[in-house]
Amino acid sequence: MLTERCFGPYRTEIDPDAAREFYRRFPGWDCACGHCRNFLALARGRRLPEDILTVLDGLGIPPERASYVLMLCPGEDGLLRYEFGCRLPGRVLSGPERGDGGGIWCGREPDPSADCGIQEPCFDLMFFRDLPWVLDEPVEGPAEN
């Protein structure tokens, strides 16, 4: 059953039961590059920003089961700017264009690697945050796969 839900400035309709069931089985992002492994270490340790953990917990989505992760660029104070999120069954009803949501975006990620096989219609709930490097290896890490 679709339920109206707001994420930052975005008004959406989602099927929370279908989302919980999907992410109960979905293994999560599986890239083995250093940047993605760093994100997964943060997610598994619940070291993502509290506001993001609150949203994901409310949806029943373990943070380490993100459906899309990308390190965009160096961020502030030696941190790394990440884009990450999850695909949700439902649709976006209203909200600003990409980049105007204050660190959050609801829409459809055009990168085909974001396709995790969730039912249509669906949209991506994406977060943009500066995160620390926590792996015990240089930031460059192994070459990206």
N, C-alpha and C. Protein backbone atom coordinates (compact mmCIF):
# COMPACT_ATOMS: atom_id res chain seq x y z
N MET A 1 0.84 -1.17 0.00
CA MET A 1 0.00 0.00 0.00
C MET A 1 0.89 1.24 0.00
N LEU A 2 0.61 2.18 -0.89
CA LEU A 2 1.41 3.39 -0.98
C LEU A 2 1.08 4.33 0.18
N THR A 3 2.14 4.91 0.73
CA THR A 3 2.04 5.84 1.84
C THR A 3 2.80 7.10 1.47
N GLU A 4 2.21 8.26 1.75
CA GLU A 4 2.92 9.50 1.46
C GLU A 4 4.01 9.69 2.51
N ARG A 5 5.19 10.10 2.03
CA ARG A 5 6.34 10.28 2.92
C ARG A 5 7.18 11.43 2.39
N CYS A 6 7.66 12.27 3.29
CA CYS A 6 8.53 13.38 2.90
C CYS A 6 9.97 13.07 3.29
N PHE A 7 10.88 13.36 2.37
CA PHE A 7 12.31 13.25 2.61
C PHE A 7 12.89 14.62 2.28
N GLY A 8 13.25 15.37 3.31
CA GLY A 8 13.70 16.74 3.07
C GLY A 8 12.60 17.49 2.34
N PRO A 9 12.94 18.18 1.24
CA PRO A 9 11.94 18.94 0.50
C PRO A 9 11.12 18.11 -0.50
N TYR A 10 11.28 16.79 -0.50
CA TYR A 10 10.61 15.93 -1.47
C TYR A 10 9.39 15.26 -0.85
N ARG A 11 8.30 15.31 -1.58
CA ARG A 11 7.08 14.59 -1.20
C ARG A 11 6.99 13.38 -2.10
N THR A 12 6.83 12.20 -1.50
CA THR A 12 6.83 10.95 -2.27
C THR A 12 5.67 10.06 -1.83
N GLU A 13 5.43 9.05 -2.62
CA GLU A 13 4.58 7.93 -2.23
C GLU A 13 5.45 6.70 -2.31
N ILE A 14 5.49 5.92 -1.23
CA ILE A 14 6.27 4.69 -1.24
C ILE A 14 5.43 3.55 -0.70
N ASP A 15 5.88 2.35 -1.02
CA ASP A 15 5.27 1.15 -0.46
C ASP A 15 6.28 0.64 0.58
N PRO A 16 6.11 1.03 1.86
CA PRO A 16 7.12 0.67 2.87
C PRO A 16 7.24 -0.83 3.10
N ASP A 17 6.15 -1.57 2.98
CA ASP A 17 6.23 -3.02 3.17
C ASP A 17 7.05 -3.67 2.07
N ALA A 18 6.84 -3.24 0.82
CA ALA A 18 7.61 -3.77 -0.30
C ALA A 18 9.08 -3.39 -0.17
N ALA A 19 9.36 -2.18 0.30
CA ALA A 19 10.75 -1.75 0.49
C ALA A 19 11.44 -2.61 1.55
N ARG A 20 10.79 -2.81 2.70
CA ARG A 20 11.38 -3.63 3.76
C ARG A 20 11.64 -5.06 3.28
N GLU A 21 10.68 -5.62 2.56
CA GLU A 21 10.83 -6.99 2.06
C GLU A 21 11.97 -7.07 1.05
N PHE A 22 12.04 -6.10 0.14
CA PHE A 22 13.11 -6.11 -0.86
C PHE A 22 14.48 -6.03 -0.18
N TYR A 23 14.66 -5.07 0.75
CA TYR A 23 15.96 -4.89 1.38
C TYR A 23 16.29 -5.96 2.40
N ARG A 24 15.32 -6.74 2.80
CA ARG A 24 15.58 -7.90 3.65
C ARG A 24 16.38 -8.95 2.85
N ARG A 25 16.12 -9.03 1.55
CA ARG A 25 16.78 -10.02 0.67
C ARG A 25 17.94 -9.45 -0.12
N PHE A 26 17.91 -8.15 -0.40
CA PHE A 26 18.92 -7.51 -1.26
C PHE A 26 20.28 -7.52 -0.56
N PRO A 27 21.34 -8.03 -1.23
CA PRO A 27 22.64 -8.12 -0.57
C PRO A 27 23.34 -6.78 -0.39
N GLY A 28 22.97 -5.78 -1.15
CA GLY A 28 23.62 -4.47 -1.03
C GLY A 28 24.65 -4.25 -2.11
N TRP A 29 25.27 -3.10 -2.05
CA TRP A 29 26.27 -2.68 -3.03
C TRP A 29 27.46 -3.62 -2.96
N ASP A 30 27.97 -4.05 -4.12
CA ASP A 30 29.02 -5.05 -4.09
C ASP A 30 30.33 -4.66 -4.78
N CYS A 31 30.55 -3.38 -4.99
CA CYS A 31 31.81 -2.95 -5.59
C CYS A 31 32.93 -3.14 -4.56
N ALA A 32 34.08 -3.64 -5.01
CA ALA A 32 35.19 -3.94 -4.12
C ALA A 32 36.28 -2.87 -4.14
N CYS A 33 36.04 -1.72 -4.78
CA CYS A 33 37.07 -0.68 -4.80
C CYS A 33 37.23 -0.10 -3.39
N GLY A 34 38.34 0.55 -3.14
CA GLY A 34 38.62 1.11 -1.82
C GLY A 34 37.57 2.09 -1.35
N HIS A 35 37.11 2.97 -2.22
CA HIS A 35 36.11 3.97 -1.82
C HIS A 35 34.79 3.31 -1.40
N CYS A 36 34.36 2.31 -2.12
CA CYS A 36 33.11 1.62 -1.76
C CYS A 36 33.29 0.79 -0.49
N ARG A 37 34.44 0.13 -0.36
CA ARG A 37 34.69 -0.62 0.87
C ARG A 37 34.73 0.31 2.08
N ASN A 38 35.26 1.52 1.89
CA ASN A 38 35.27 2.51 2.97
C ASN A 38 33.84 2.88 3.36
N PHE A 39 33.00 3.16 2.36
CA PHE A 39 31.60 3.48 2.65
C PHE A 39 30.94 2.32 3.41
N LEU A 40 31.15 1.10 2.94
CA LEU A 40 30.51 -0.05 3.59
C LEU A 40 31.01 -0.25 5.02
N ALA A 41 32.28 0.04 5.27
CA ALA A 41 32.79 -0.04 6.65
C ALA A 41 32.08 0.98 7.53
N LEU A 42 31.87 2.18 7.02
CA LEU A 42 31.14 3.21 7.78
C LEU A 42 29.69 2.77 8.01
N ALA A 43 29.07 2.24 6.97
CA ALA A 43 27.66 1.83 7.06
C ALA A 43 27.49 0.67 8.04
N ARG A 44 28.33 -0.34 7.93
CA ARG A 44 28.23 -1.50 8.83
C ARG A 44 28.46 -1.10 10.29
N GLY A 45 29.34 -0.13 10.50
CA GLY A 45 29.62 0.35 11.85
C GLY A 45 28.64 1.41 12.32
N ARG A 46 27.62 1.69 11.50
CA ARG A 46 26.60 2.71 11.80
C ARG A 46 27.27 4.05 12.10
N ARG A 47 28.27 4.38 11.26
CA ARG A 47 29.01 5.63 11.42
C ARG A 47 28.63 6.66 10.37
N LEU A 48 27.46 6.48 9.75
CA LEU A 48 26.92 7.49 8.85
C LEU A 48 26.26 8.57 9.69
N PRO A 49 26.01 9.75 9.12
CA PRO A 49 25.33 10.80 9.89
C PRO A 49 24.00 10.32 10.47
N GLU A 50 23.70 10.76 11.67
CA GLU A 50 22.52 10.29 12.41
C GLU A 50 21.22 10.53 11.65
N ASP A 51 21.11 11.66 10.95
CA ASP A 51 19.86 11.93 10.22
C ASP A 51 19.63 10.90 9.11
N ILE A 52 20.70 10.43 8.49
CA ILE A 52 20.57 9.41 7.45
C ILE A 52 20.20 8.06 8.07
N LEU A 53 20.85 7.71 9.16
CA LEU A 53 20.51 6.46 9.85
C LEU A 53 19.05 6.46 10.28
N THR A 54 18.55 7.60 10.74
CA THR A 54 17.15 7.70 11.16
C THR A 54 16.21 7.42 9.99
N VAL A 55 16.50 8.00 8.83
CA VAL A 55 15.67 7.77 7.64
C VAL A 55 15.71 6.30 7.25
N LEU A 56 16.91 5.73 7.14
CA LEU A 56 17.03 4.33 6.72
C LEU A 56 16.39 3.38 7.73
N ASP A 57 16.61 3.63 9.02
CA ASP A 57 15.98 2.81 10.05
C ASP A 57 14.46 2.86 9.94
N GLY A 58 13.93 4.06 9.68
CA GLY A 58 12.48 4.22 9.54
C GLY A 58 11.91 3.46 8.35
N LEU A 59 12.75 3.22 7.36
CA LEU A 59 12.33 2.46 6.18
C LEU A 59 12.64 0.97 6.34
N GLY A 60 13.34 0.60 7.40
CA GLY A 60 13.72 -0.80 7.59
C GLY A 60 14.85 -1.24 6.67
N ILE A 61 15.71 -0.30 6.27
CA ILE A 61 16.80 -0.59 5.34
C ILE A 61 18.13 -0.52 6.09
N PRO A 62 18.85 -1.64 6.21
CA PRO A 62 20.17 -1.59 6.82
C PRO A 62 21.08 -0.69 5.96
N PRO A 63 21.83 0.22 6.57
CA PRO A 63 22.65 1.16 5.79
C PRO A 63 23.66 0.48 4.87
N GLU A 64 24.13 -0.71 5.23
CA GLU A 64 25.10 -1.41 4.39
C GLU A 64 24.46 -2.04 3.15
N ARG A 65 23.16 -1.93 3.02
CA ARG A 65 22.48 -2.48 1.85
C ARG A 65 22.11 -1.38 0.85
N ALA A 66 22.88 -0.33 0.84
CA ALA A 66 22.65 0.74 -0.15
C ALA A 66 22.61 0.13 -1.54
N SER A 67 21.78 0.70 -2.40
CA SER A 67 21.70 0.18 -3.77
C SER A 67 22.60 0.97 -4.72
N TYR A 68 23.20 2.06 -4.23
CA TYR A 68 24.10 2.84 -5.08
C TYR A 68 25.08 3.60 -4.19
N VAL A 69 26.38 3.54 -4.54
CA VAL A 69 27.42 4.24 -3.80
C VAL A 69 28.42 4.79 -4.82
N LEU A 70 28.83 6.04 -4.62
CA LEU A 70 29.84 6.64 -5.49
C LEU A 70 30.59 7.69 -4.68
N MET A 71 31.92 7.62 -4.68
CA MET A 71 32.73 8.68 -4.10
C MET A 71 32.89 9.72 -5.20
N LEU A 72 32.40 10.92 -4.97
CA LEU A 72 32.38 11.95 -6.00
C LEU A 72 33.69 12.71 -6.10
N CYS A 73 34.21 13.19 -4.96
CA CYS A 73 35.39 14.04 -4.97
C CYS A 73 35.86 14.27 -3.54
N PRO A 74 37.05 14.84 -3.37
CA PRO A 74 37.45 15.23 -2.02
C PRO A 74 36.47 16.27 -1.49
N GLY A 75 36.17 16.17 -0.21
CA GLY A 75 35.24 17.12 0.42
C GLY A 75 36.00 18.08 1.32
N GLU A 76 35.32 18.60 2.31
CA GLU A 76 35.90 19.55 3.26
C GLU A 76 36.75 18.83 4.29
N ASP A 77 37.79 19.49 4.79
CA ASP A 77 38.59 19.03 5.92
C ASP A 77 39.12 17.61 5.76
N GLY A 78 39.54 17.23 4.55
CA GLY A 78 40.11 15.91 4.32
C GLY A 78 39.09 14.79 4.21
N LEU A 79 37.82 15.13 4.22
CA LEU A 79 36.77 14.12 4.07
C LEU A 79 36.55 13.84 2.59
N LEU A 80 35.73 12.84 2.29
CA LEU A 80 35.42 12.48 0.91
C LEU A 80 33.93 12.68 0.68
N ARG A 81 33.58 13.31 -0.45
CA ARG A 81 32.18 13.56 -0.78
C ARG A 81 31.60 12.32 -1.45
N TYR A 82 30.62 11.71 -0.80
CA TYR A 82 29.95 10.51 -1.32
C TYR A 82 28.53 10.82 -1.75
N GLU A 83 28.08 10.10 -2.76
CA GLU A 83 26.68 10.03 -3.16
C GLU A 83 26.28 8.57 -2.91
N PHE A 84 25.21 8.36 -2.15
CA PHE A 84 24.77 7.00 -1.86
C PHE A 84 23.29 7.02 -1.54
N GLY A 85 22.66 5.87 -1.68
CA GLY A 85 21.25 5.81 -1.36
C GLY A 85 20.63 4.47 -1.68
N CYS A 86 19.31 4.50 -1.74
CA CYS A 86 18.57 3.27 -1.96
C CYS A 86 17.42 3.56 -2.93
N ARG A 87 17.09 2.55 -3.69
CA ARG A 87 15.95 2.63 -4.61
C ARG A 87 14.72 2.17 -3.84
N LEU A 88 13.64 2.90 -4.00
CA LEU A 88 12.40 2.62 -3.27
C LEU A 88 11.24 2.40 -4.22
N PRO A 89 10.34 1.48 -3.90
CA PRO A 89 9.14 1.30 -4.72
C PRO A 89 8.19 2.46 -4.45
N GLY A 90 7.84 3.18 -5.50
CA GLY A 90 6.94 4.33 -5.34
C GLY A 90 7.26 5.39 -6.37
N ARG A 91 6.90 6.63 -6.04
CA ARG A 91 7.14 7.73 -6.98
C ARG A 91 7.31 9.04 -6.24
N VAL A 92 8.00 9.96 -6.90
CA VAL A 92 8.20 11.31 -6.36
C VAL A 92 7.02 12.16 -6.81
N LEU A 93 6.37 12.81 -5.85
CA LEU A 93 5.22 13.66 -6.15
C LEU A 93 5.65 15.11 -6.41
N SER A 94 6.62 15.59 -5.63
CA SER A 94 7.09 16.96 -5.82
C SER A 94 8.43 17.14 -5.13
N GLY A 95 9.16 18.17 -5.56
CA GLY A 95 10.45 18.50 -4.96
C GLY A 95 11.32 19.23 -5.94
N PRO A 96 12.44 19.78 -5.45
CA PRO A 96 13.32 20.57 -6.31
C PRO A 96 14.11 19.69 -7.28
N GLU A 97 14.76 20.35 -8.22
CA GLU A 97 15.63 19.65 -9.17
C GLU A 97 16.83 19.09 -8.43
N ARG A 98 17.50 18.15 -9.05
CA ARG A 98 18.70 17.54 -8.46
C ARG A 98 19.71 18.64 -8.11
N GLY A 99 20.28 18.53 -6.92
CA GLY A 99 21.28 19.50 -6.48
C GLY A 99 20.71 20.63 -5.64
N ASP A 100 19.40 20.73 -5.54
CA ASP A 100 18.79 21.81 -4.77
C ASP A 100 18.12 21.32 -3.49
N GLY A 101 18.38 20.07 -3.09
CA GLY A 101 17.67 19.50 -1.95
C GLY A 101 18.43 19.51 -0.64
N GLY A 102 19.56 20.22 -0.57
CA GLY A 102 20.29 20.33 0.69
C GLY A 102 20.89 19.02 1.16
N GLY A 103 21.54 18.26 0.28
CA GLY A 103 22.18 17.02 0.68
C GLY A 103 21.33 15.78 0.48
N ILE A 104 20.13 15.95 -0.06
CA ILE A 104 19.24 14.83 -0.33
C ILE A 104 18.61 15.05 -1.70
N TRP A 105 18.32 13.97 -2.37
CA TRP A 105 17.67 14.06 -3.69
C TRP A 105 16.79 12.84 -3.88
N CYS A 106 15.61 13.06 -4.42
CA CYS A 106 14.71 11.98 -4.80
C CYS A 106 14.45 12.09 -6.29
N GLY A 107 14.74 11.05 -7.01
CA GLY A 107 14.56 11.02 -8.46
C GLY A 107 15.03 9.67 -8.97
N ARG A 108 15.46 9.62 -10.21
CA ARG A 108 15.93 8.35 -10.77
C ARG A 108 17.37 8.50 -11.20
N GLU A 109 18.26 7.77 -10.54
CA GLU A 109 19.68 7.78 -10.87
C GLU A 109 19.86 7.22 -12.27
N PRO A 110 20.46 7.99 -13.18
CA PRO A 110 20.59 7.51 -14.57
C PRO A 110 21.65 6.43 -14.75
N ASP A 111 22.56 6.26 -13.79
CA ASP A 111 23.62 5.25 -13.91
C ASP A 111 23.00 3.85 -13.88
N PRO A 112 23.23 3.03 -14.92
CA PRO A 112 22.62 1.70 -14.95
C PRO A 112 23.06 0.80 -13.80
N SER A 113 24.20 1.11 -13.15
CA SER A 113 24.62 0.27 -12.02
C SER A 113 23.73 0.47 -10.80
N ALA A 114 22.87 1.50 -10.83
CA ALA A 114 21.94 1.72 -9.72
C ALA A 114 20.73 0.79 -9.80
N ASP A 115 20.55 0.11 -10.93
CA ASP A 115 19.39 -0.76 -11.09
C ASP A 115 19.57 -2.01 -10.24
N CYS A 116 18.78 -2.10 -9.19
CA CYS A 116 18.92 -3.22 -8.26
C CYS A 116 17.78 -4.22 -8.40
N GLY A 117 16.88 -4.00 -9.35
CA GLY A 117 15.82 -4.97 -9.59
C GLY A 117 14.57 -4.79 -8.76
N ILE A 118 14.38 -3.65 -8.15
CA ILE A 118 13.18 -3.41 -7.35
C ILE A 118 12.00 -3.15 -8.29
N GLN A 119 10.81 -3.39 -7.79
CA GLN A 119 9.60 -3.24 -8.61
C GLN A 119 9.43 -1.81 -9.12
N GLU A 120 8.79 -1.68 -10.27
CA GLU A 120 8.42 -0.38 -10.84
C GLU A 120 7.00 -0.05 -10.41
N PRO A 121 6.63 1.21 -10.31
CA PRO A 121 7.50 2.38 -10.39
C PRO A 121 8.39 2.48 -9.16
N CYS A 122 9.53 3.15 -9.35
CA CYS A 122 10.46 3.31 -8.24
C CYS A 122 11.25 4.59 -8.43
N PHE A 123 11.93 5.00 -7.37
CA PHE A 123 12.79 6.17 -7.42
C PHE A 123 13.97 5.95 -6.47
N ASP A 124 14.97 6.80 -6.61
CA ASP A 124 16.15 6.71 -5.76
C ASP A 124 16.10 7.79 -4.69
N LEU A 125 16.34 7.40 -3.46
CA LEU A 125 16.51 8.31 -2.34
C LEU A 125 18.01 8.42 -2.13
N MET A 126 18.59 9.55 -2.53
CA MET A 126 20.04 9.71 -2.54
C MET A 126 20.48 10.76 -1.51
N PHE A 127 21.64 10.49 -0.91
CA PHE A 127 22.25 11.39 0.05
C PHE A 127 23.61 11.82 -0.48
N PHE A 128 24.00 13.05 -0.17
CA PHE A 128 25.31 13.60 -0.56
C PHE A 128 25.97 14.11 0.71
N ARG A 129 27.04 13.43 1.14
CA ARG A 129 27.69 13.79 2.40
C ARG A 129 29.18 13.60 2.33
N ASP A 130 29.88 14.41 3.12
CA ASP A 130 31.32 14.25 3.31
C ASP A 130 31.52 13.24 4.44
N LEU A 131 32.30 12.18 4.14
CA LEU A 131 32.52 11.10 5.09
C LEU A 131 34.02 10.87 5.26
N PRO A 132 34.42 10.37 6.43
CA PRO A 132 35.85 10.13 6.67
C PRO A 132 36.34 8.84 6.01
N TRP A 133 37.65 8.76 5.84
CA TRP A 133 38.30 7.54 5.41
C TRP A 133 38.60 6.74 6.66
N VAL A 134 38.13 5.49 6.76
CA VAL A 134 38.33 4.70 7.97
C VAL A 134 39.11 3.40 7.74
N LEU A 135 39.41 3.08 6.50
CA LEU A 135 40.15 1.85 6.23
C LEU A 135 41.62 2.02 6.59
N ASP A 136 42.24 0.92 6.97
CA ASP A 136 43.65 0.92 7.33
C ASP A 136 44.50 0.68 6.08
N GLU A 137 44.38 1.60 5.14
CA GLU A 137 45.13 1.57 3.89
C GLU A 137 45.07 2.97 3.32
N PRO A 138 45.96 3.29 2.37
CA PRO A 138 45.91 4.64 1.79
C PRO A 138 44.55 4.92 1.15
N VAL A 139 44.18 6.18 1.10
CA VAL A 139 42.88 6.56 0.54
C VAL A 139 42.70 6.02 -0.86
N GLU A 140 43.74 6.01 -1.66
CA GLU A 140 43.61 5.51 -3.03
C GLU A 140 43.16 4.07 -3.04
N GLY A 141 43.65 3.26 -2.10
CA GLY A 141 43.26 1.85 -2.02
C GLY A 141 43.54 1.12 -3.31
N PRO A 142 43.04 -0.10 -3.42
CA PRO A 142 43.21 -0.85 -4.67
C PRO A 142 42.50 -0.15 -5.83
N ALA A 143 42.95 -0.43 -7.01
CA ALA A 143 42.33 0.15 -8.19
C ALA A 143 40.85 -0.22 -8.24
N GLU A 144 40.06 0.71 -8.76
CA GLU A 144 38.62 0.46 -8.85
C GLU A 144 38.37 -0.66 -9.86
N ASN A 145 37.33 -1.46 -9.56
CA ASN A 145 36.97 -2.57 -10.45
C ASN A 145 35.98 -2.12 -11.48
